[in-house]
Amino acid sequence: MALLALMGLVLGAIGGGALGLGAGLTWLELSASGGFNGQSGSMVLLTFTPLGAVVGGLAGALLFVFFAVRDSEIALESETFRKR
């Protein structure tokens, strides 16, 4: 179960970082902020991407643990059904 949580954390962080990058670029386009000397790029890279990676990592880890627990419950129920 710990391995699944770690895998969910890594995959979620990668996916969340990518979504954070996309959300940051979308925010810049919608807010029409001026990009003076790359300030807008550093805002996306240093704000939205890490925030997305943290949220995605936590969500991925929790989701993978939820599926692991649910799968073990299903396996236990099928074993008790066979014994009857």
Protein backbone atom coordinates (compact mmCIF):
# COMPACT_ATOMS: atom_id res chain seq x y z
CA MET A 1 0.00 0.00 0.00
CA ALA A 2 2.89 2.36 0.74
CA LEU A 3 4.34 1.70 -2.70
CA LEU A 4 1.02 2.59 -4.31
CA ALA A 5 0.85 5.78 -2.27
CA LEU A 6 4.36 6.72 -3.36
CA MET A 7 3.54 5.98 -6.98
CA GLY A 8 0.36 8.06 -6.70
CA LEU A 9 2.35 10.89 -5.15
CA VAL A 10 4.87 10.93 -7.99
CA LEU A 11 2.33 10.59 -10.80
CA GLY A 12 0.02 13.12 -9.17
CA ALA A 13 2.85 15.61 -8.74
CA ILE A 14 3.83 15.31 -12.39
CA GLY A 15 0.25 15.67 -13.57
CA GLY A 16 -0.51 18.45 -11.12
CA GLY A 17 2.59 20.37 -12.15
CA ALA A 18 1.55 20.13 -15.78
CA LEU A 19 -1.98 21.28 -14.95
CA GLY A 20 -0.58 24.09 -12.80
CA LEU A 21 1.59 25.23 -15.67
CA GLY A 22 -1.41 25.25 -17.98
CA ALA A 23 -3.52 27.08 -15.39
CA GLY A 24 -0.80 29.69 -14.93
CA LEU A 25 -0.49 30.31 -18.65
CA THR A 26 -4.27 30.57 -18.91
CA TRP A 27 -4.31 33.03 -16.02
CA LEU A 28 -1.74 35.20 -17.77
CA GLU A 29 -3.73 35.23 -20.99
CA LEU A 30 -7.00 36.07 -19.27
CA SER A 31 -5.61 38.74 -16.97
CA ALA A 32 -3.63 40.38 -19.81
CA SER A 33 -0.72 41.18 -17.52
CA GLY A 34 2.34 42.71 -19.10
CA GLY A 35 5.38 40.47 -19.38
CA PHE A 36 8.12 42.91 -18.40
CA ASN A 37 11.49 41.11 -18.45
CA GLY A 38 9.95 37.69 -17.96
CA GLN A 39 8.07 38.46 -14.76
CA SER A 40 5.00 36.67 -15.99
CA GLY A 41 6.99 33.54 -16.79
CA SER A 42 8.61 33.48 -13.38
CA MET A 43 5.20 33.94 -11.76
CA VAL A 44 3.90 30.87 -13.57
CA LEU A 45 7.00 28.82 -12.88
CA LEU A 46 7.38 29.78 -9.22
CA THR A 47 3.71 30.01 -8.18
CA PHE A 48 1.31 27.94 -10.22
CA THR A 49 3.52 24.95 -11.06
CA PRO A 50 4.60 24.09 -7.48
CA LEU A 51 1.06 24.67 -6.20
CA GLY A 52 -0.31 22.31 -8.84
CA ALA A 53 2.37 19.72 -8.06
CA VAL A 54 1.56 19.76 -4.33
CA VAL A 55 -2.19 19.50 -4.85
CA GLY A 56 -1.79 16.86 -7.55
CA GLY A 57 0.67 14.83 -5.46
CA LEU A 58 -1.63 14.75 -2.45
CA ALA A 59 -4.66 13.96 -4.58
CA GLY A 60 -2.83 11.20 -6.45
CA ALA A 61 -1.53 9.59 -3.26
CA LEU A 62 -4.95 9.68 -1.60
CA LEU A 63 -6.62 8.30 -4.72
CA PHE A 64 -4.17 5.41 -5.05
CA VAL A 65 -4.49 4.55 -1.34
CA PHE A 66 -8.28 4.68 -1.65
CA PHE A 67 -8.17 2.23 -4.54
CA ALA A 68 -5.74 -0.06 -2.69
CA VAL A 69 -7.94 -0.17 0.41
CA ARG A 70 -11.05 -0.71 -1.65
CA ASP A 71 -9.38 -3.49 -3.64
CA SER A 72 -8.30 -5.28 -0.46
CA GLU A 73 -11.86 -5.04 0.90
CA ILE A 74 -13.24 -6.54 -2.29
CA ALA A 75 -10.67 -9.36 -2.13
CA LEU A 76 -11.60 -10.11 1.49
CA GLU A 77 -15.30 -10.18 0.67
CA SER A 78 -14.80 -12.63 -2.21
CA GLU A 79 -12.78 -14.98 0.06
CA THR A 80 -15.54 -15.07 2.68
CA PHE A 81 -18.07 -15.75 -0.06
CA ARG A 82 -16.08 -18.78 -1.30
CA LYS A 83 -15.87 -20.29 2.18
CA ARG A 84 -19.65 -20.51 2.53
